Amino acid sequence: MASTKVVIVLGMSRSGTSLLTRGINVLGVELGDHLLPSTTANPKGHWENADIFDINEHLLKMIGSSWHSLALTGEIDFSSHCFDPVKGAARAVIENLASRYPIWGFKDPRACRLLPFWQEILNEYAVDIHYIVCLRSPIDVALSLNTRNHFGKRKSLLLWLVHIYWMAKFIDNDRSIIVQYEELMNRAHAQLNRIADFLNIDISDKQKAIDEYCNSFLDTDLCHHSSSLNPLRSAPDFQQIIFCYDRLVSLASKAFVTRKEWLELYGHLNCIELVWAFFHEVPEGEIRRLKTTALSRCSLSIGQTHPLSNGPDRVQNAPESLVLFVDYPERTHPVSVFRKLAVSGWALSLSGIAQVQVLQPDGRLVHLDYGLPRKDVQELHPAYPYADSSGFSGCLNLSRLGPGRYELFVRVTSRSGEVKESRIPFLKIGPSAAVSDA
């Protein structure tokens, strides 16, 4: 197989990675024939290889995660034999692309946390990996996610930060560049020329396509958010986010970013677990005080579901006194867990919810955060108090468990003392490890 150049576009969801990927495609970076179709959220197209998307989705399910999980999964050992079938599928995709194109690439925000998997496979071939990171203001990412997914601002900002964490940790060479979303929208020609220089692409015969991309494809009307970071700068909870963004903006002015510079940024994030501990361990009352109300009205109607939900229970003529629904993991499709498992869902009670807990197979009872924004649930169940803040989530550390089949129980207790449980089966893979309770 001839040596090829591979371009991996990285960035948090809603950062402009789709627009950027179409831009490098115009420059001559091939994406393959099987692309995801456009959606209302991305009317200009995702420009995302559907086969690679499917592989990434399958990998996330295997490790008990999802694209919006707040669990840190960088410790996954992809050398485990349980990943062999997925590696075979990835090799088939790479061999198909590398045999056809001298320069090709792919984009998927999921790849940020799965970079070690793709690096391991790509290193088996004679390929030259380049990374292009799309950077957008974290507050604008949060506003966009609120519009599309109804996520609260706190969750979205932490998602932005953990994507930076993965990129800083996993980018493994000096061939990377940062492109700011705002620069791409406002000075597209200059950014495409900069990328072409970085990739050493001759674009003398591509000026017509470049002009069409800059003047017609890019549409400023689709940029719905352009906000100041000043509210974040004055908030003590988000100083790591501000530091990271300011540092990345400064690196975006460089012709390329070195591995050493990424490691320096990663070094500043070596206590990011403390941020996650804060998110997952704040008591219910504090979560209610800190949570952000939805910034745009949800347009879901009765019969529709949240895009990330397994679907609501049927609307009742008379409301049940206590309702529990686990979005993830699904009861009918047991997930594979390596070390950590994210749990999320929603719960309603006519008397109010006192607490949501998980009984783990090792007998430990873990409290989940309750009071997270769920405008979709409010639309479907308006008779319940606090339905708009009925979401719960948390991250379980299951590394003590040895390989095998297990089950856990999500338990909700109402303020009137009523209790309801949901049984969730899962498969533990990989070795067990003695971990501290800290």
Protein backbone atom coordinates (compact mmCIF):
# COMPACT_ATOMS: atom_id res chain seq x y z
CA MET A 1 0.00 0.00 0.00
CA ALA A 2 1.36 3.42 -0.98
CA SER A 3 2.17 5.89 1.77
CA THR A 4 -0.73 8.28 2.36
CA LYS A 5 -1.45 11.37 4.39
CA VAL A 6 -4.30 11.14 6.91
CA VAL A 7 -6.03 14.23 8.30
CA ILE A 8 -8.03 13.81 11.53
CA VAL A 9 -10.35 16.71 12.33
CA LEU A 10 -10.91 17.02 16.08
CA GLY A 11 -13.13 19.24 18.19
CA MET A 12 -16.07 19.36 20.54
CA SER A 13 -19.51 18.82 19.01
CA ARG A 14 -21.07 22.11 17.75
CA SER A 15 -17.60 23.63 17.28
CA GLY A 16 -17.78 23.87 13.49
CA THR A 17 -16.03 20.58 12.70
CA SER A 18 -18.49 19.85 9.88
CA LEU A 19 -17.85 23.18 8.15
CA LEU A 20 -14.11 22.76 8.60
CA THR A 21 -14.16 19.22 7.20
CA ARG A 22 -15.98 20.36 4.09
CA GLY A 23 -13.31 23.04 3.78
CA ILE A 24 -10.43 20.55 3.77
CA ASN A 25 -12.44 18.40 1.36
CA VAL A 26 -12.50 21.35 -1.05
CA LEU A 27 -8.71 21.54 -0.69
CA GLY A 28 -8.42 17.92 -1.84
CA VAL A 29 -8.69 15.81 1.32
CA GLU A 30 -10.95 12.89 0.40
CA LEU A 31 -13.57 11.68 2.88
CA GLY A 32 -14.82 8.51 1.17
CA ASP A 33 -18.12 7.78 -0.53
CA HIS A 34 -20.29 6.75 2.43
CA LEU A 35 -21.09 9.97 4.33
CA LEU A 36 -23.76 10.67 6.91
CA PRO A 37 -26.76 12.56 5.46
CA SER A 38 -27.47 16.16 6.38
CA THR A 39 -29.91 16.88 9.23
CA THR A 40 -31.88 19.86 10.48
CA ALA A 41 -29.10 20.42 13.02
CA ASN A 42 -26.48 20.31 10.23
CA PRO A 43 -28.28 21.41 7.05
CA LYS A 44 -24.97 21.84 5.21
CA GLY A 45 -24.03 18.22 5.93
CA HIS A 46 -21.96 16.45 8.57
CA TRP A 47 -19.16 15.52 6.12
CA GLU A 48 -18.59 12.50 8.30
CA ASN A 49 -17.64 9.01 7.14
CA ALA A 50 -20.59 6.81 8.13
CA ASP A 51 -18.45 3.69 8.58
CA ILE A 52 -16.08 5.46 10.99
CA PHE A 53 -19.07 6.96 12.82
CA ASP A 54 -20.54 3.45 13.28
CA ILE A 55 -17.22 2.12 14.59
CA ASN A 56 -16.92 4.97 17.08
CA GLU A 57 -20.50 4.49 18.30
CA HIS A 58 -19.84 0.77 18.77
CA LEU A 59 -16.62 1.48 20.70
CA LEU A 60 -18.38 3.90 23.04
CA LYS A 61 -21.05 1.31 23.81
CA MET A 62 -18.35 -1.30 24.49
CA ILE A 63 -16.68 0.93 27.08
CA GLY A 64 -20.01 1.96 28.62
CA SER A 65 -19.88 5.51 27.40
CA SER A 66 -21.56 7.91 24.97
CA TRP A 67 -20.61 11.04 23.04
CA HIS A 68 -21.97 13.23 25.84
CA SER A 69 -20.71 11.22 28.80
CA LEU A 70 -18.80 13.17 31.43
CA ALA A 71 -16.77 10.11 32.43
CA LEU A 72 -13.04 10.23 31.73
CA THR A 73 -12.32 7.17 29.55
CA GLY A 74 -8.72 7.86 28.58
CA GLU A 75 -7.53 4.81 30.53
CA ILE A 76 -9.16 2.27 28.17
CA ASP A 77 -6.76 -0.47 27.07
CA PHE A 78 -7.63 -1.03 23.43
CA SER A 79 -5.14 -3.91 23.21
CA SER A 80 -7.74 -6.17 24.86
CA HIS A 81 -8.89 -9.00 22.57
CA CYS A 82 -12.51 -7.95 23.04
CA PHE A 83 -11.80 -5.09 20.62
CA ASP A 84 -10.43 -7.36 17.85
CA PRO A 85 -13.66 -7.48 15.76
CA VAL A 86 -13.93 -3.67 15.83
CA LYS A 87 -10.27 -3.35 14.84
CA GLY A 88 -10.96 -5.60 11.86
CA ALA A 89 -13.73 -3.26 10.72
CA ALA A 90 -11.47 -0.22 11.21
CA ARG A 91 -8.67 -1.82 9.18
CA ALA A 92 -11.08 -2.49 6.32
CA VAL A 93 -12.13 1.18 6.23
CA ILE A 94 -8.53 2.42 6.39
CA GLU A 95 -7.32 0.04 3.68
CA ASN A 96 -10.16 1.10 1.40
CA LEU A 97 -9.40 4.81 1.81
CA ALA A 98 -5.60 4.51 1.79
CA SER A 99 -5.61 2.39 -1.37
CA ARG A 100 -7.68 4.98 -3.25
CA TYR A 101 -6.44 8.37 -2.10
CA PRO A 102 -3.00 9.93 -1.49
CA ILE A 103 -4.57 12.25 1.10
CA TRP A 104 -7.73 11.45 3.01
CA GLY A 105 -9.25 12.19 6.36
CA PHE A 106 -12.17 11.88 8.72
CA LYS A 107 -14.02 13.86 11.33
CA ASP A 108 -16.03 12.80 14.34
CA PRO A 109 -16.03 14.56 17.73
CA ARG A 110 -16.16 11.04 19.25
CA ALA A 111 -12.65 10.51 17.93
CA CYS A 112 -11.29 12.88 20.58
CA ARG A 113 -11.77 10.31 23.34
CA LEU A 114 -11.06 7.38 20.99
CA LEU A 115 -7.79 8.66 19.49
CA PRO A 116 -5.66 5.86 21.02
CA PHE A 117 -7.77 3.30 19.17
CA TRP A 118 -7.33 5.00 15.78
CA GLN A 119 -3.67 5.76 16.37
CA GLU A 120 -2.97 2.10 17.14
CA ILE A 121 -4.66 1.00 13.88
CA LEU A 122 -3.21 3.76 11.69
CA ASN A 123 0.31 3.07 12.96
CA GLU A 124 0.06 -0.38 11.36
CA TYR A 125 0.10 1.33 7.97
CA ALA A 126 2.49 3.67 6.18
CA VAL A 127 0.44 6.79 6.87
CA ASP A 128 1.41 10.30 7.89
CA ILE A 129 -1.10 11.59 10.48
CA HIS A 130 -1.99 15.28 10.68
CA TYR A 131 -4.42 16.74 13.22
CA ILE A 132 -6.65 19.79 12.68
CA VAL A 133 -8.40 21.03 15.80
CA CYS A 134 -11.51 23.19 15.41
CA LEU A 135 -11.83 25.63 18.30
CA ARG A 136 -15.01 27.52 19.22
CA SER A 137 -15.86 29.58 22.28
CA PRO A 138 -17.06 27.21 25.01
CA ILE A 139 -20.03 29.43 25.86
CA ASP A 140 -21.23 29.36 22.23
CA VAL A 141 -20.83 25.57 22.18
CA ALA A 142 -22.95 25.40 25.34
CA LEU A 143 -25.66 27.62 23.84
CA SER A 144 -25.73 25.51 20.66
CA LEU A 145 -25.99 22.27 22.65
CA ASN A 146 -28.81 23.76 24.68
CA THR A 147 -30.70 24.52 21.47
CA ARG A 148 -30.09 21.11 19.91
CA ASN A 149 -29.97 18.75 22.91
CA HIS A 150 -31.41 20.82 25.78
CA PHE A 151 -28.24 20.30 27.83
CA GLY A 152 -27.61 22.60 30.78
CA LYS A 153 -24.71 25.05 30.52
CA ARG A 154 -22.67 23.34 33.25
CA LYS A 155 -22.71 19.96 31.52
CA SER A 156 -21.87 21.47 28.11
CA LEU A 157 -18.96 23.49 29.45
CA LEU A 158 -17.52 20.43 31.17
CA LEU A 159 -17.96 18.43 27.97
CA TRP A 160 -16.00 21.10 26.12
CA LEU A 161 -13.23 20.91 28.72
CA VAL A 162 -12.94 17.13 28.66
CA HIS A 163 -12.65 17.14 24.85
CA ILE A 164 -9.69 19.52 25.23
CA TYR A 165 -8.29 17.18 27.88
CA TRP A 166 -8.40 14.20 25.51
CA MET A 167 -6.86 16.10 22.60
CA ALA A 168 -4.06 17.52 24.73
CA LYS A 169 -3.35 14.07 26.13
CA PHE A 170 -3.54 12.03 22.92
CA ILE A 171 -2.22 14.17 20.04
CA ASP A 172 1.09 12.40 19.58
CA ASN A 173 3.21 14.36 17.07
CA ASP A 174 4.18 17.87 15.96
CA ARG A 175 1.79 17.86 13.00
CA SER A 176 -1.27 19.65 14.36
CA ILE A 177 -2.91 22.99 13.77
CA ILE A 178 -5.75 24.87 15.49
CA VAL A 179 -8.44 26.65 13.45
CA GLN A 180 -10.82 29.02 15.23
CA TYR A 181 -14.45 28.73 14.18
CA GLU A 182 -14.86 32.50 14.16
CA GLU A 183 -11.80 32.93 11.93
CA LEU A 184 -13.12 30.30 9.52
CA MET A 185 -16.48 32.08 9.27
CA ASN A 186 -15.03 35.59 8.89
CA ARG A 187 -11.73 35.02 7.05
CA ALA A 188 -12.25 31.72 5.27
CA HIS A 189 -9.80 32.28 2.41
CA ALA A 190 -6.96 33.03 4.81
CA GLN A 191 -7.73 29.97 6.93
CA LEU A 192 -7.94 27.62 3.93
CA ASN A 193 -4.61 28.95 2.63
CA ARG A 194 -3.13 28.38 6.09
CA ILE A 195 -4.44 24.79 6.16
CA ALA A 196 -3.17 24.14 2.63
CA ASP A 197 0.30 25.29 3.68
CA PHE A 198 0.12 23.07 6.77
CA LEU A 199 -0.84 20.02 4.67
CA ASN A 200 1.52 20.97 1.84
CA ILE A 201 -1.31 20.90 -0.73
CA ASP A 202 -1.07 22.65 -4.09
CA ILE A 203 -4.37 24.53 -4.46
CA SER A 204 -3.58 26.44 -7.66
CA ASP A 205 -6.24 24.44 -9.53
CA LYS A 206 -8.85 24.66 -6.77
CA GLN A 207 -9.51 28.39 -6.57
CA LYS A 208 -13.01 28.18 -8.07
CA ALA A 209 -14.09 25.53 -5.54
CA ILE A 210 -12.48 27.51 -2.71
CA ASP A 211 -14.32 30.68 -3.75
CA GLU A 212 -17.62 28.80 -3.86
CA TYR A 213 -16.99 27.37 -0.38
CA CYS A 214 -16.06 30.76 1.09
CA ASN A 215 -18.77 32.81 -0.63
CA SER A 216 -21.69 30.36 -0.83
CA PHE A 217 -21.23 27.29 1.37
CA LEU A 218 -20.33 29.19 4.53
CA ASP A 219 -23.49 30.89 5.77
CA THR A 220 -23.24 33.37 8.62
CA ASP A 221 -27.01 33.01 9.15
CA LEU A 222 -26.31 29.52 10.52
CA CYS A 223 -24.06 30.98 13.21
CA HIS A 224 -26.69 31.59 15.88
CA HIS A 225 -24.42 32.32 18.84
CA SER A 226 -21.57 34.78 19.34
CA SER A 227 -21.26 35.50 23.03
CA SER A 228 -18.89 37.17 25.45
CA LEU A 229 -16.83 35.04 27.82
CA ASN A 230 -16.97 37.70 30.54
CA PRO A 231 -19.62 35.86 32.63
CA LEU A 232 -17.33 32.81 32.74
CA ARG A 233 -14.24 34.86 33.54
CA SER A 234 -15.88 36.08 36.74
CA ALA A 235 -17.12 32.61 37.77
CA PRO A 236 -14.63 30.70 39.98
CA ASP A 237 -16.00 27.29 38.92
CA PHE A 238 -14.85 27.66 35.32
CA GLN A 239 -11.30 29.04 35.53
CA GLN A 240 -9.78 25.91 33.94
CA ILE A 241 -12.09 26.41 30.97
CA ILE A 242 -11.05 30.05 30.60
CA PHE A 243 -7.37 29.16 30.92
CA CYS A 244 -7.65 26.44 28.28
CA TYR A 245 -9.55 28.59 25.83
CA ASP A 246 -7.15 31.53 26.15
CA ARG A 247 -4.16 29.21 25.71
CA LEU A 248 -5.71 27.54 22.64
CA VAL A 249 -6.48 30.92 21.07
CA SER A 250 -2.82 31.86 21.42
CA LEU A 251 -1.74 28.53 19.89
CA ALA A 252 -4.17 29.07 17.00
CA SER A 253 -1.95 31.86 15.71
CA LYS A 254 0.93 29.43 15.13
CA ALA A 255 1.67 27.64 11.85
CA PHE A 256 1.56 24.36 13.78
CA VAL A 257 1.34 23.16 17.38
CA THR A 258 3.98 20.80 18.77
CA ARG A 259 3.48 17.73 20.92
CA LYS A 260 5.38 19.53 23.69
CA GLU A 261 2.85 22.39 23.65
CA TRP A 262 -0.06 19.95 23.90
CA LEU A 263 1.64 18.20 26.82
CA GLU A 264 2.15 21.53 28.59
CA LEU A 265 -1.58 22.19 28.29
CA TYR A 266 -2.34 18.67 29.47
CA GLY A 267 -0.07 19.29 32.48
CA HIS A 268 -2.29 22.20 33.51
CA LEU A 269 -5.26 19.84 33.38
CA ASN A 270 -3.78 17.10 35.55
CA CYS A 271 -6.32 17.92 38.26
CA ILE A 272 -9.33 17.84 35.94
CA GLU A 273 -10.67 14.91 37.97
CA LEU A 274 -11.37 17.45 40.71
CA VAL A 275 -13.67 19.30 38.33
CA TRP A 276 -15.53 16.07 37.63
CA ALA A 277 -15.70 15.24 41.33
CA PHE A 278 -17.27 18.65 41.87
CA PHE A 279 -19.82 17.98 39.12
CA HIS A 280 -20.74 14.50 40.35
CA GLU A 281 -20.71 15.08 44.11
CA VAL A 282 -22.54 18.38 44.58
CA PRO A 283 -25.66 17.67 46.68
CA GLU A 284 -29.12 18.03 45.21
CA GLY A 285 -29.82 21.43 46.73
CA GLU A 286 -26.62 22.92 45.35
CA ILE A 287 -27.24 21.44 41.91
CA ARG A 288 -30.67 23.10 41.91
CA ARG A 289 -29.06 26.43 42.82
CA LEU A 290 -26.29 26.18 40.21
CA LYS A 291 -28.16 24.57 37.36
CA THR A 292 -28.84 26.69 34.30
CA THR A 293 -32.36 27.04 33.03
CA ALA A 294 -32.87 26.21 29.37
CA LEU A 295 -31.88 29.17 27.19
CA SER A 296 -34.39 28.49 24.42
CA ARG A 297 -37.85 27.02 24.46
CA CYS A 298 -38.01 23.33 23.58
CA SER A 299 -40.20 22.69 20.55
CA LEU A 300 -40.85 19.00 21.21
CA SER A 301 -44.50 18.04 21.03
CA ILE A 302 -46.35 15.15 22.64
CA GLY A 303 -45.21 11.90 21.06
CA GLN A 304 -41.69 13.14 20.32
CA THR A 305 -38.71 12.21 22.47
CA HIS A 306 -35.46 13.73 23.57
CA PRO A 307 -32.81 12.88 20.92
CA LEU A 308 -30.76 11.03 23.54
CA SER A 309 -33.62 9.27 25.31
CA ASN A 310 -34.70 5.67 24.87
CA GLY A 311 -38.21 7.11 24.64
CA PRO A 312 -40.75 8.17 27.23
CA ASP A 313 -43.13 5.90 29.01
CA ARG A 314 -46.65 6.19 27.65
CA VAL A 315 -48.59 9.25 28.74
CA GLN A 316 -50.96 8.21 31.52
CA ASN A 317 -54.53 9.42 31.93
CA ALA A 318 -53.83 9.79 35.65
CA PRO A 319 -50.22 10.54 36.63
CA GLU A 320 -48.37 7.83 38.54
CA SER A 321 -47.20 8.90 41.98
CA LEU A 322 -43.56 7.99 41.10
CA VAL A 323 -41.94 7.54 37.68
CA LEU A 324 -38.36 6.39 36.96
CA PHE A 325 -36.78 6.19 33.53
CA VAL A 326 -33.14 5.28 32.82
CA ASP A 327 -31.95 6.70 29.51
CA TYR A 328 -28.51 5.10 29.68
CA PRO A 329 -27.54 2.29 30.00
CA GLU A 330 -30.46 0.54 28.33
CA ARG A 331 -32.04 -2.37 30.15
CA THR A 332 -32.60 -4.31 26.91
CA HIS A 333 -29.06 -3.88 25.52
CA PRO A 334 -26.45 -4.59 28.22
CA VAL A 335 -23.37 -2.42 27.77
CA SER A 336 -19.77 -3.53 28.16
CA VAL A 337 -17.89 -1.67 30.89
CA PHE A 338 -14.11 -1.43 31.25
CA ARG A 339 -13.73 0.75 34.35
CA LYS A 340 -16.38 3.47 34.49
CA LEU A 341 -20.05 3.63 33.59
CA ALA A 342 -22.13 6.75 33.06
CA VAL A 343 -25.75 6.54 34.24
CA SER A 344 -28.42 9.06 33.27
CA GLY A 345 -32.18 9.38 33.12
CA TRP A 346 -35.08 11.17 34.76
CA ALA A 347 -37.50 10.72 37.64
CA LEU A 348 -40.81 12.32 38.59
CA SER A 349 -42.99 12.30 41.68
CA LEU A 350 -46.13 14.17 42.67
CA SER A 351 -44.54 14.74 46.07
CA GLY A 352 -41.09 15.58 44.68
CA ILE A 353 -37.89 13.52 44.45
CA ALA A 354 -35.80 13.07 47.59
CA GLN A 355 -32.84 11.21 46.06
CA VAL A 356 -31.62 9.01 43.23
CA GLN A 357 -29.12 6.26 44.04
CA VAL A 358 -27.42 3.30 42.39
CA LEU A 359 -26.85 0.03 44.20
CA GLN A 360 -23.66 -1.41 42.69
CA PRO A 361 -22.89 -5.15 42.51
CA ASP A 362 -20.24 -4.70 45.21
CA GLY A 363 -22.94 -3.47 47.61
CA ARG A 364 -21.97 0.20 47.53
CA LEU A 365 -24.76 2.74 47.30
CA VAL A 366 -23.85 5.73 45.11
CA HIS A 367 -25.85 8.96 45.01
CA LEU A 368 -26.53 10.49 41.57
CA ASP A 369 -26.99 14.19 40.82
CA TYR A 370 -30.66 15.07 40.54
CA GLY A 371 -32.20 18.32 39.29
CA LEU A 372 -30.67 18.54 35.81
CA PRO A 373 -32.61 20.33 33.04
CA ARG A 374 -35.09 18.14 31.08
CA LYS A 375 -37.43 20.36 29.07
CA ASP A 376 -38.39 17.31 26.98
CA VAL A 377 -39.79 15.59 30.09
CA GLN A 378 -41.74 18.70 31.04
CA GLU A 379 -43.38 18.71 27.61
CA LEU A 380 -44.39 15.06 27.97
CA HIS A 381 -45.38 15.12 31.65
CA PRO A 382 -46.59 18.64 32.52
CA ALA A 383 -48.67 17.43 35.49
CA TYR A 384 -45.60 16.76 37.63
CA PRO A 385 -43.84 19.45 39.70
CA TYR A 386 -40.24 20.24 38.71
CA ALA A 387 -40.55 18.14 35.52
CA ASP A 388 -38.28 20.64 33.76
CA SER A 389 -35.47 19.75 36.20
CA SER A 390 -36.11 16.03 36.58
CA GLY A 391 -32.86 14.72 35.07
CA PHE A 392 -30.20 12.74 36.91
CA SER A 393 -26.70 11.60 36.02
CA GLY A 394 -23.54 10.24 37.55
CA CYS A 395 -20.43 8.20 36.89
CA LEU A 396 -19.77 4.83 38.56
CA ASN A 397 -16.29 3.47 39.15
CA LEU A 398 -16.62 -0.29 38.60
CA SER A 399 -12.92 -1.08 38.32
CA ARG A 400 -13.05 -3.27 41.45
CA LEU A 401 -15.18 -5.83 39.65
CA GLY A 402 -13.62 -8.75 37.78
CA PRO A 403 -14.79 -9.76 34.27
CA GLY A 404 -18.30 -11.17 34.13
CA ARG A 405 -22.01 -10.38 33.94
CA TYR A 406 -23.48 -8.14 36.62
CA GLU A 407 -26.47 -6.01 37.35
CA LEU A 408 -27.03 -2.78 39.22
CA PHE A 409 -30.16 -1.11 40.49
CA VAL A 410 -31.10 2.54 39.97
CA ARG A 411 -33.29 3.50 42.92
CA VAL A 412 -35.39 6.65 43.26
CA THR A 413 -37.05 7.76 46.51
CA SER A 414 -39.86 10.31 46.62
CA ARG A 415 -40.29 12.87 49.38
CA SER A 416 -43.30 10.88 50.58
CA GLY A 417 -41.07 7.81 51.05
CA GLU A 418 -42.14 5.81 48.00
CA VAL A 419 -39.33 3.85 46.31
CA LYS A 420 -38.98 2.56 42.73
CA GLU A 421 -36.07 0.62 41.20
CA SER A 422 -34.86 -0.21 37.70
CA ARG A 423 -32.58 -3.21 37.14
CA ILE A 424 -29.72 -2.60 34.68
CA PRO A 425 -27.59 -5.55 33.46
CA PHE A 426 -24.05 -4.98 32.16
CA LEU A 427 -20.94 -6.88 31.12
CA LYS A 428 -17.64 -6.08 32.86
CA ILE A 429 -14.60 -6.52 30.64
CA GLY A 430 -10.89 -6.20 31.34
CA PRO A 431 -9.06 -6.89 34.61
CA SER A 432 -10.25 -5.85 38.03
CA ALA A 433 -8.17 -3.30 39.92
CA ALA A 434 -7.90 -2.38 43.58
CA VAL A 435 -8.77 1.29 43.79
CA SER A 436 -9.07 3.66 46.70
CA ASP A 437 -12.33 5.22 47.76
CA ALA A 438 -10.86 8.68 47.29
